[in-house]
Protein backbone atom coordinates (compact mmCIF):
# COMPACT_ATOMS: atom_id res chain seq x y z
CA UNK A 1 -32.84 28.49 -53.37
CA UNK A 2 -31.22 27.51 -56.31
CA UNK A 3 -30.31 23.93 -57.29
CA UNK A 4 -26.56 24.99 -57.35
CA UNK A 5 -26.79 26.13 -53.76
CA UNK A 6 -27.94 22.67 -52.66
CA UNK A 7 -25.37 21.00 -54.19
CA UNK A 8 -22.96 23.06 -52.43
CA UNK A 9 -24.21 22.43 -49.10
CA UNK A 10 -21.89 20.77 -46.44
CA UNK A 11 -22.85 17.13 -45.65
CA UNK A 12 -23.64 16.42 -42.23
CA UNK A 13 -22.66 13.28 -40.70
CA UNK A 14 -24.69 11.80 -37.86
CA UNK A 15 -22.27 10.73 -35.32
CA UNK A 16 -23.53 8.29 -32.15
CA UNK A 17 -23.43 10.50 -29.08
CA UNK A 18 -20.63 10.10 -26.59
CA UNK A 19 -20.94 6.76 -24.30
CA UNK A 20 -22.64 7.84 -21.05
CA UNK A 21 -20.54 7.54 -17.89
CA UNK A 22 -22.03 6.88 -14.64
CA UNK A 23 -20.05 7.69 -11.26
CA UNK A 24 -20.54 4.92 -8.71
CA UNK A 25 -19.50 5.52 -4.87
CA UNK A 26 -16.53 2.59 -4.62
CA UNK A 27 -18.42 1.46 -1.71
CA UNK A 28 -21.66 0.72 -3.56
CA UNK A 29 -19.97 -0.88 -6.45
CA UNK A 30 -19.72 -4.39 -6.96
CA UNK A 31 -16.50 -6.20 -6.07
CA UNK A 32 -15.88 -8.40 -8.94
CA UNK A 33 -12.31 -9.48 -7.83
CA UNK A 34 -10.12 -7.95 -5.48
CA UNK A 35 -6.77 -7.24 -6.77
CA UNK A 36 -3.91 -9.09 -5.10
CA UNK A 37 -2.78 -6.79 -2.18
CA UNK A 38 0.88 -5.95 -1.28
CA UNK A 39 1.13 -7.22 2.27
CA UNK A 40 3.85 -7.47 5.02
CA UNK A 41 3.11 -9.90 7.21
CA UNK A 42 5.91 -9.41 9.77
CA UNK A 43 6.80 -6.04 9.53
CA UNK A 44 9.06 -5.94 12.81
CA UNK A 45 11.21 -8.87 11.34
CA UNK A 46 11.24 -6.92 7.90
CA UNK A 47 12.49 -3.79 9.41
CA UNK A 48 15.27 -5.89 11.47
CA UNK A 49 16.38 -7.58 8.20
CA UNK A 50 16.47 -4.34 6.60
CA UNK A 51 18.54 -2.70 9.40
CA UNK A 52 20.84 -5.63 8.92
CA UNK A 53 21.61 -5.45 5.53
CA UNK A 54 21.77 -1.62 5.58
CA UNK A 55 24.66 -1.94 8.24
CA UNK A 56 26.44 -4.91 6.31
CA UNK A 57 26.49 -2.91 3.24
CA UNK A 58 27.77 0.13 5.08
CA UNK A 59 30.51 -1.90 6.93
CA UNK A 60 31.79 -3.70 3.51
CA UNK A 61 32.57 -0.59 1.70
CA UNK A 62 34.93 0.09 4.35
CA UNK A 63 36.77 -2.64 4.40
CA UNK A 64 38.26 -5.07 1.70
CA UNK A 65 36.80 -8.68 1.95
CA UNK A 66 38.81 -11.79 1.80
CA UNK A 67 37.60 -15.26 0.31
CA UNK A 68 36.02 -16.35 3.78
CA UNK A 69 34.34 -12.60 4.05
CA UNK A 70 32.66 -12.84 0.98
CA UNK A 71 31.34 -16.28 1.47
CA UNK A 72 29.85 -15.19 4.48
CA UNK A 73 28.41 -12.25 3.34
CA UNK A 74 26.80 -14.18 0.33
CA UNK A 75 25.24 -16.71 2.89
CA UNK A 76 23.76 -13.67 4.89
CA UNK A 77 22.41 -12.21 1.64
CA UNK A 78 20.97 -15.33 0.85
CA UNK A 79 19.33 -16.25 4.09
CA UNK A 80 18.17 -12.26 4.32
CA UNK A 81 16.29 -12.74 0.94
CA UNK A 82 14.85 -15.76 1.99
CA UNK A 83 13.77 -14.67 5.44
CA UNK A 84 12.16 -11.28 3.70
CA UNK A 85 10.02 -13.73 1.47
CA UNK A 86 8.55 -15.50 4.25
CA UNK A 87 7.19 -12.29 5.87
CA UNK A 88 5.71 -10.75 2.34
CA UNK A 89 2.87 -11.43 -0.04
CA UNK A 90 2.91 -13.58 -2.93
CA UNK A 91 3.23 -10.70 -5.28
CA UNK A 92 5.94 -8.95 -3.41
CA UNK A 93 7.87 -12.24 -3.08
CA UNK A 94 7.88 -12.50 -6.74
CA UNK A 95 8.94 -8.95 -7.18
CA UNK A 96 11.95 -9.31 -4.58
CA UNK A 97 13.03 -12.47 -6.52
CA UNK A 98 13.33 -10.56 -9.87
CA UNK A 99 15.27 -7.49 -8.19
CA UNK A 100 17.35 -9.67 -5.94
CA UNK A 101 18.36 -13.00 -7.40
CA UNK A 102 20.60 -15.41 -5.87
CA UNK A 103 24.16 -14.94 -5.72
CA UNK A 104 25.79 -17.82 -7.43
CA UNK A 105 29.41 -19.24 -7.56
CA UNK A 106 32.28 -17.18 -6.12
CA UNK A 107 30.52 -13.51 -6.32
CA UNK A 108 33.48 -10.69 -6.35
CA UNK A 109 33.51 -7.98 -3.91
CA UNK A 110 31.40 -5.52 -5.89
CA UNK A 111 28.98 -8.23 -6.80
CA UNK A 112 28.06 -8.50 -3.37
CA UNK A 113 27.74 -5.00 -2.62
CA UNK A 114 25.71 -4.33 -5.71
CA UNK A 115 23.58 -7.14 -4.70
CA UNK A 116 23.24 -5.72 -1.16
CA UNK A 117 22.66 -2.26 -2.41
CA UNK A 118 19.84 -3.29 -4.83
CA UNK A 119 18.08 -5.27 -1.87
CA UNK A 120 18.50 -2.30 0.49
CA UNK A 121 16.90 0.20 -2.39
CA UNK A 122 14.03 -2.33 -2.92
CA UNK A 123 13.25 -2.42 1.09
CA UNK A 124 13.33 1.34 1.08
CA UNK A 125 11.12 1.51 -1.83
CA UNK A 126 8.85 -0.75 0.03
CA UNK A 127 9.00 1.29 3.13
CA UNK A 128 8.10 4.44 0.89
CA UNK A 129 4.96 2.65 -0.28
CA UNK A 130 4.10 1.52 2.94
CA UNK A 131 4.21 5.08 4.23
CA UNK A 132 2.21 6.44 1.26
CA UNK A 133 -0.30 3.79 1.87
CA UNK A 134 -0.62 4.74 5.51
CA UNK A 135 -0.97 8.60 4.46
CA UNK A 136 -3.57 7.55 2.12
CA UNK A 137 -5.56 5.78 4.61
CA UNK A 138 -5.04 8.50 7.14
CA UNK A 139 -6.40 11.18 4.47
CA UNK A 140 -9.36 9.02 3.71
CA UNK A 141 -10.12 8.59 7.52
CA UNK A 142 -9.71 12.35 8.14
CA UNK A 143 -12.09 13.35 5.01
CA UNK A 144 -14.45 10.57 6.27
CA UNK A 145 -14.62 12.32 9.77
CA UNK A 146 -14.83 15.82 8.54
CA UNK A 147 -17.99 14.65 6.54
CA UNK A 148 -19.33 13.12 9.87
CA UNK A 149 -18.65 16.40 11.68
CA UNK A 150 -20.30 18.46 8.53
CA UNK A 151 -23.29 16.62 8.45
CA UNK A 152 -23.53 16.74 12.10
CA UNK A 153 -24.46 13.58 14.38
CA UNK A 154 -27.99 12.69 14.72
CA UNK A 155 -29.58 13.22 18.08
CA UNK A 156 -30.86 10.25 19.99
CA UNK A 157 -34.62 9.25 19.19
CA UNK A 158 -36.66 8.02 22.20
CA UNK A 159 -37.36 4.31 22.19
CA UNK A 160 -40.81 2.74 22.59
CA UNK A 161 -40.41 2.79 26.36
CA UNK A 162 -39.61 6.54 25.90
CA UNK A 163 -35.75 6.09 27.01
CA UNK A 164 -33.20 7.78 24.81
CA UNK A 165 -30.59 5.44 24.10
CA UNK A 166 -27.18 6.06 25.97
CA UNK A 167 -28.98 7.91 28.93
CA UNK A 168 -29.50 6.60 32.14
CA UNK A 169 -33.04 5.29 33.15
CA UNK A 170 -34.93 7.36 35.63
CA UNK A 171 -35.06 4.44 38.05
CA UNK A 172 -31.28 4.08 38.05
CA UNK A 173 -29.43 5.98 40.62
CA UNK A 174 -27.47 9.09 39.24
CA UNK A 175 -24.29 10.46 41.18
CA UNK A 176 -20.57 10.16 42.02
CA UNK A 177 -18.95 6.89 42.59
CA UNK A 178 -16.40 7.03 45.29
């Protein structure tokens, strides 16, 4: 090789290899700190309040509200938000407080309707989240069940006394019970 060819050779840079990635089964992974879980403590109460707020929103769209009606709807809205807060976890309660702030002063019809619509929308989102979580749990359980079926169930192994667990003892009478 000529000295000029060595000068024209490309430089080679040594780079650290990519970091290794280890795939770990979530069941075997150490649990450092479980994240806060969104929970509903009283789903029946949540459904009743959601149904009532939705019905009030539908009813108030159809009729004009006088001063007394607005005051009453404001009270119902505030009480509904407070009751909902008692039946959900802390993180959901914080989210609810941000998205459904208290109505202050003497709110107009449109302010009350907007607040109620926000509350109904938040509740519907919560219900969709619950449904999605339930679907995911069912899918995981179904996959786990299918894995067990695919592997096959282990056969009963005789114990030290020769008895197979789950099978009646030879000394026990067999027959139909009337």
